[in-house]
Every structure is written in structure tokens, then in C-alpha cells.
């Protein structure tokens, strides 16, 4: 889990550097956002599994964290929108208008 979190942090750090230099593209930002939210939800799910039955109780904050991440993942199709932006960047064709 810590390896995946560190990779996401490094991605965000590098993208921040590019943004400060005026070199970050919308597609790069979209890919990073999509990747890091997906990574975070996967880590939260894994952490809940590690806790077993206690992972769904109020004693640990992992369920609250997972619900917050789920809302980011699905809120107005954000995850899918980032995927469409990435696809348009790669192919040059927009799947939405």
C-alpha cells in the first residue's frame, strides 16, 4: 500500500512542478487525477479487508474514507470523464461533445 501511495505522491509532485513551469497539459492533469483516485479507493478497500469485520464498524475511519472516495469516483461521472479526456488526447478524437 505504501508503495502505491508513494507513486501517487510522486506523480502529483512532478505534475505540480510541470504546472509551475507552465508545461502541464489538461490531459496529464486528468490522467493523474483519475489514477490517484483509483489508487486511493483500491488502497482503502485493501485496508478494509485487512481489518476484516472490524473494517466496517465505526471504530476505524476506513469506511468513512471509502465512502468519500466512492463519491469522488462516481460524482457526475468524473472517473469516466477523465478517461474520455485521456482517450481524446491519445487518439485525437473526442467521444463526447
N, C-alpha and C. Protein backbone atom coordinates (compact mmCIF):
# COMPACT_ATOMS: atom_id res chain seq x y z
N UNK A 1 0.82 -1.19 0.00
CA UNK A 1 0.00 0.00 0.00
C UNK A 1 0.87 1.26 0.00
N UNK A 2 1.92 1.24 0.80
CA UNK A 2 2.76 2.44 0.88
C UNK A 2 3.48 2.71 -0.45
N UNK A 3 3.80 1.66 -1.18
CA UNK A 3 4.44 1.85 -2.49
C UNK A 3 3.50 2.55 -3.45
N UNK A 4 2.25 2.12 -3.49
CA UNK A 4 1.27 2.75 -4.38
C UNK A 4 1.00 4.20 -3.97
N UNK A 5 0.90 4.45 -2.68
CA UNK A 5 0.69 5.82 -2.20
C UNK A 5 1.87 6.70 -2.57
N UNK A 6 3.08 6.19 -2.40
CA UNK A 6 4.28 6.96 -2.74
C UNK A 6 4.34 7.26 -4.24
N UNK A 7 3.98 6.28 -5.06
CA UNK A 7 3.95 6.51 -6.51
C UNK A 7 2.96 7.62 -6.86
N UNK A 8 1.79 7.60 -6.23
CA UNK A 8 0.79 8.63 -6.49
C UNK A 8 1.29 10.00 -6.03
N UNK A 9 1.97 10.04 -4.90
CA UNK A 9 2.52 11.31 -4.41
C UNK A 9 3.58 11.85 -5.37
N UNK A 10 4.43 10.97 -5.87
CA UNK A 10 5.46 11.40 -6.81
C UNK A 10 4.85 11.90 -8.11
N UNK A 11 3.80 11.25 -8.56
CA UNK A 11 3.10 11.70 -9.76
C UNK A 11 2.53 13.10 -9.55
N UNK A 12 1.90 13.31 -8.41
CA UNK A 12 1.33 14.63 -8.10
C UNK A 12 2.42 15.68 -7.95
N UNK A 13 3.53 15.31 -7.33
CA UNK A 13 4.65 16.24 -7.15
C UNK A 13 5.22 16.67 -8.50
N UNK A 14 5.46 15.70 -9.37
CA UNK A 14 6.02 16.02 -10.68
C UNK A 14 5.05 16.85 -11.51
N UNK A 15 3.78 16.51 -11.43
CA UNK A 15 2.79 17.28 -12.17
C UNK A 15 2.72 18.72 -11.64
N UNK A 16 2.88 18.88 -10.33
CA UNK A 16 2.93 20.22 -9.74
C UNK A 16 4.11 21.01 -10.26
N UNK A 17 5.24 20.34 -10.39
CA UNK A 17 6.42 21.01 -10.96
C UNK A 17 6.14 21.46 -12.39
N UNK A 18 5.57 20.57 -13.19
CA UNK A 18 5.24 20.91 -14.57
C UNK A 18 4.24 22.07 -14.63
N UNK A 19 3.27 22.07 -13.73
CA UNK A 19 2.28 23.14 -13.68
C UNK A 19 2.96 24.48 -13.36
N UNK A 20 3.88 24.46 -12.41
CA UNK A 20 4.61 25.68 -12.05
C UNK A 20 5.46 26.20 -13.20
N UNK A 21 5.93 25.29 -14.04
CA UNK A 21 6.74 25.66 -15.20
C UNK A 21 5.87 26.01 -16.41
N UNK A 22 4.57 25.89 -16.27
CA UNK A 22 3.65 26.16 -17.37
C UNK A 22 3.66 25.08 -18.44
N UNK A 23 4.05 23.87 -18.08
CA UNK A 23 4.19 22.78 -19.05
C UNK A 23 3.16 21.66 -18.87
N UNK A 24 2.37 21.69 -17.82
CA UNK A 24 1.39 20.63 -17.58
C UNK A 24 0.21 20.79 -18.54
N UNK A 25 -0.22 19.69 -19.10
CA UNK A 25 -1.37 19.73 -20.01
C UNK A 25 -2.63 19.28 -19.27
N UNK A 26 -3.76 19.64 -19.84
CA UNK A 26 -5.04 19.22 -19.27
C UNK A 26 -5.12 17.69 -19.23
N UNK A 27 -4.64 17.05 -20.28
CA UNK A 27 -4.69 15.58 -20.34
C UNK A 27 -3.82 14.96 -19.24
N UNK A 28 -2.65 15.53 -18.98
CA UNK A 28 -1.79 15.00 -17.91
C UNK A 28 -2.45 15.15 -16.55
N UNK A 29 -3.08 16.29 -16.33
CA UNK A 29 -3.76 16.52 -15.06
C UNK A 29 -4.92 15.55 -14.90
N UNK A 30 -5.67 15.33 -15.97
CA UNK A 30 -6.79 14.42 -15.94
C UNK A 30 -6.33 12.99 -15.66
N UNK A 31 -5.26 12.56 -16.31
CA UNK A 31 -4.74 11.21 -16.08
C UNK A 31 -4.29 11.04 -14.64
N UNK A 32 -3.62 12.04 -14.10
CA UNK A 32 -3.13 11.95 -12.73
C UNK A 32 -4.28 11.90 -11.73
N UNK A 33 -5.29 12.73 -11.95
CA UNK A 33 -6.45 12.73 -11.05
C UNK A 33 -7.14 11.37 -11.08
N UNK A 34 -7.37 10.85 -12.28
CA UNK A 34 -8.04 9.56 -12.42
C UNK A 34 -7.22 8.46 -11.76
N UNK A 35 -5.93 8.43 -12.03
CA UNK A 35 -5.06 7.41 -11.47
C UNK A 35 -5.03 7.47 -9.94
N UNK A 36 -4.86 8.67 -9.40
CA UNK A 36 -4.68 8.77 -7.96
C UNK A 36 -5.96 8.49 -7.18
N UNK A 37 -7.11 8.84 -7.74
CA UNK A 37 -8.38 8.50 -7.07
C UNK A 37 -8.59 6.99 -7.12
N UNK A 38 -8.31 6.38 -8.26
CA UNK A 38 -8.47 4.93 -8.38
C UNK A 38 -7.52 4.20 -7.43
N UNK A 39 -6.29 4.68 -7.33
CA UNK A 39 -5.32 4.08 -6.43
C UNK A 39 -5.80 4.22 -4.99
N UNK A 40 -6.30 5.39 -4.63
CA UNK A 40 -6.75 5.63 -3.26
C UNK A 40 -7.91 4.71 -2.88
N UNK A 41 -8.87 4.52 -3.77
CA UNK A 41 -10.00 3.66 -3.46
C UNK A 41 -9.55 2.20 -3.34
N UNK A 42 -8.62 1.78 -4.19
CA UNK A 42 -8.09 0.42 -4.08
C UNK A 42 -7.36 0.20 -2.76
N UNK A 43 -6.59 1.18 -2.34
CA UNK A 43 -5.87 1.08 -1.07
C UNK A 43 -6.87 1.04 0.09
N UNK A 44 -7.90 1.88 0.03
CA UNK A 44 -8.90 1.90 1.09
C UNK A 44 -9.62 0.55 1.18
N UNK A 45 -9.95 -0.02 0.03
CA UNK A 45 -10.61 -1.33 0.03
C UNK A 45 -9.69 -2.40 0.62
N UNK A 46 -8.42 -2.35 0.27
CA UNK A 46 -7.47 -3.31 0.80
C UNK A 46 -7.32 -3.15 2.31
N UNK A 47 -7.26 -1.90 2.78
CA UNK A 47 -7.15 -1.65 4.22
C UNK A 47 -8.38 -2.17 4.95
N UNK A 48 -9.56 -1.99 4.35
CA UNK A 48 -10.79 -2.50 4.96
C UNK A 48 -10.73 -4.02 5.06
N UNK A 49 -10.21 -4.66 4.03
CA UNK A 49 -10.07 -6.13 4.03
C UNK A 49 -9.12 -6.58 5.13
N UNK A 50 -8.03 -5.86 5.32
CA UNK A 50 -7.05 -6.21 6.36
C UNK A 50 -7.71 -6.18 7.74
N UNK A 51 -8.62 -5.23 7.94
CA UNK A 51 -9.29 -5.10 9.23
C UNK A 51 -10.40 -6.15 9.43
N UNK A 52 -10.74 -6.87 8.37
CA UNK A 52 -11.78 -7.89 8.47
C UNK A 52 -13.11 -7.29 8.86
N UNK A 53 -13.83 -7.96 9.76
CA UNK A 53 -15.13 -7.50 10.20
C UNK A 53 -15.08 -6.14 10.88
N UNK A 54 -13.96 -5.82 11.49
CA UNK A 54 -13.82 -4.52 12.15
C UNK A 54 -13.72 -3.39 11.13
N UNK A 55 -13.42 -3.72 9.88
CA UNK A 55 -13.29 -2.71 8.85
C UNK A 55 -14.59 -2.01 8.48
N UNK A 56 -15.71 -2.60 8.88
CA UNK A 56 -17.00 -1.98 8.55
C UNK A 56 -17.65 -1.32 9.76
N UNK A 57 -16.96 -1.33 10.89
CA UNK A 57 -17.51 -0.69 12.08
C UNK A 57 -17.08 0.77 12.14
N UNK A 58 -17.68 1.49 13.04
CA UNK A 58 -17.32 2.90 13.24
C UNK A 58 -16.04 3.09 14.03
N UNK A 59 -15.47 2.00 14.52
CA UNK A 59 -14.26 2.10 15.33
C UNK A 59 -13.05 2.59 14.51
N UNK A 60 -13.05 2.24 13.24
CA UNK A 60 -11.98 2.68 12.35
C UNK A 60 -12.58 3.60 11.30
N UNK A 61 -11.82 4.56 10.84
CA UNK A 61 -12.35 5.56 9.91
C UNK A 61 -12.29 5.12 8.45
N UNK A 62 -11.88 3.89 8.18
CA UNK A 62 -11.68 3.45 6.81
C UNK A 62 -12.98 3.47 6.00
N UNK A 63 -14.11 3.12 6.61
CA UNK A 63 -15.37 3.13 5.87
C UNK A 63 -15.77 4.55 5.47
N UNK A 64 -15.58 5.50 6.38
CA UNK A 64 -15.87 6.91 6.05
C UNK A 64 -14.98 7.36 4.91
N UNK A 65 -13.72 6.99 4.97
CA UNK A 65 -12.77 7.35 3.92
C UNK A 65 -13.18 6.72 2.60
N UNK A 66 -13.59 5.45 2.63
CA UNK A 66 -14.02 4.77 1.41
C UNK A 66 -15.25 5.43 0.81
N UNK A 67 -16.20 5.83 1.64
CA UNK A 67 -17.40 6.50 1.12
C UNK A 67 -17.03 7.83 0.46
N UNK A 68 -16.12 8.57 1.06
CA UNK A 68 -15.68 9.82 0.45
C UNK A 68 -15.03 9.56 -0.91
N UNK A 69 -14.21 8.53 -0.99
CA UNK A 69 -13.55 8.19 -2.25
C UNK A 69 -14.55 7.70 -3.29
N UNK A 70 -15.52 6.91 -2.86
CA UNK A 70 -16.54 6.44 -3.80
C UNK A 70 -17.29 7.61 -4.41
N UNK A 71 -17.57 8.64 -3.61
CA UNK A 71 -18.28 9.80 -4.15
C UNK A 71 -17.42 10.52 -5.18
N UNK A 72 -16.12 10.60 -4.96
CA UNK A 72 -15.23 11.22 -5.94
C UNK A 72 -15.18 10.38 -7.21
N UNK A 73 -15.17 9.07 -7.03
CA UNK A 73 -15.08 8.15 -8.17
C UNK A 73 -16.31 8.23 -9.06
N UNK A 74 -17.48 8.43 -8.46
CA UNK A 74 -18.72 8.38 -9.23
C UNK A 74 -19.42 9.72 -9.40
N UNK A 75 -19.03 10.72 -8.67
CA UNK A 75 -19.73 12.00 -8.70
C UNK A 75 -19.75 12.57 -10.11
N UNK A 76 -20.91 12.64 -10.69
CA UNK A 76 -21.12 13.16 -12.04
C UNK A 76 -20.21 12.49 -13.08
N UNK A 77 -19.87 11.24 -12.88
CA UNK A 77 -19.09 10.51 -13.86
C UNK A 77 -17.65 10.98 -14.01
N UNK A 78 -17.10 11.58 -12.97
CA UNK A 78 -15.76 12.15 -13.05
C UNK A 78 -14.73 11.15 -13.57
N UNK A 79 -14.77 9.94 -13.04
CA UNK A 79 -13.81 8.91 -13.43
C UNK A 79 -13.88 8.66 -14.94
N UNK A 80 -15.10 8.56 -15.45
CA UNK A 80 -15.30 8.32 -16.88
C UNK A 80 -14.92 9.54 -17.72
N UNK A 81 -15.20 10.72 -17.22
CA UNK A 81 -14.84 11.94 -17.94
C UNK A 81 -13.33 12.02 -18.12
N UNK A 82 -12.59 11.70 -17.06
CA UNK A 82 -11.13 11.72 -17.17
C UNK A 82 -10.65 10.69 -18.19
N UNK A 83 -11.31 9.56 -18.25
CA UNK A 83 -10.97 8.54 -19.24
C UNK A 83 -11.24 9.04 -20.66
N UNK A 84 -12.34 9.74 -20.86
CA UNK A 84 -12.65 10.30 -22.18
C UNK A 84 -11.64 11.36 -22.58
N UNK A 85 -11.21 12.17 -21.63
CA UNK A 85 -10.19 13.19 -21.91
C UNK A 85 -8.88 12.54 -22.32
N UNK A 86 -8.51 11.48 -21.62
CA UNK A 86 -7.29 10.75 -21.95
C UNK A 86 -7.39 10.12 -23.34
N UNK A 87 -8.54 9.51 -23.63
CA UNK A 87 -8.74 8.91 -24.95
C UNK A 87 -8.65 9.93 -26.06
N UNK A 88 -9.24 11.10 -25.86
CA UNK A 88 -9.18 12.16 -26.87
C UNK A 88 -7.75 12.62 -27.08
N UNK A 89 -6.97 12.67 -25.99
CA UNK A 89 -5.57 13.09 -26.10
C UNK A 89 -4.74 12.08 -26.91
N UNK A 90 -5.03 10.82 -26.70
CA UNK A 90 -4.28 9.76 -27.38
C UNK A 90 -4.66 9.64 -28.85
N UNK A 91 -5.98 9.66 -29.12
CA UNK A 91 -6.45 9.39 -30.48
C UNK A 91 -6.70 10.62 -31.32
N UNK A 92 -6.94 11.75 -30.65
CA UNK A 92 -7.29 12.96 -31.38
C UNK A 92 -8.78 13.05 -31.68
N UNK A 93 -9.54 12.05 -31.25
CA UNK A 93 -10.98 12.03 -31.48
C UNK A 93 -11.70 12.16 -30.14
N UNK A 94 -12.67 13.06 -30.10
CA UNK A 94 -13.46 13.22 -28.89
C UNK A 94 -14.66 12.28 -28.94
N UNK A 95 -14.88 11.57 -27.84
CA UNK A 95 -16.01 10.65 -27.74
C UNK A 95 -17.22 11.35 -27.14
N UNK A 96 -17.07 12.62 -26.84
CA UNK A 96 -18.17 13.39 -26.27
C UNK A 96 -18.15 14.79 -26.86
N UNK A 97 -19.27 15.44 -26.85
CA UNK A 97 -19.35 16.81 -27.36
C UNK A 97 -20.34 17.59 -26.55
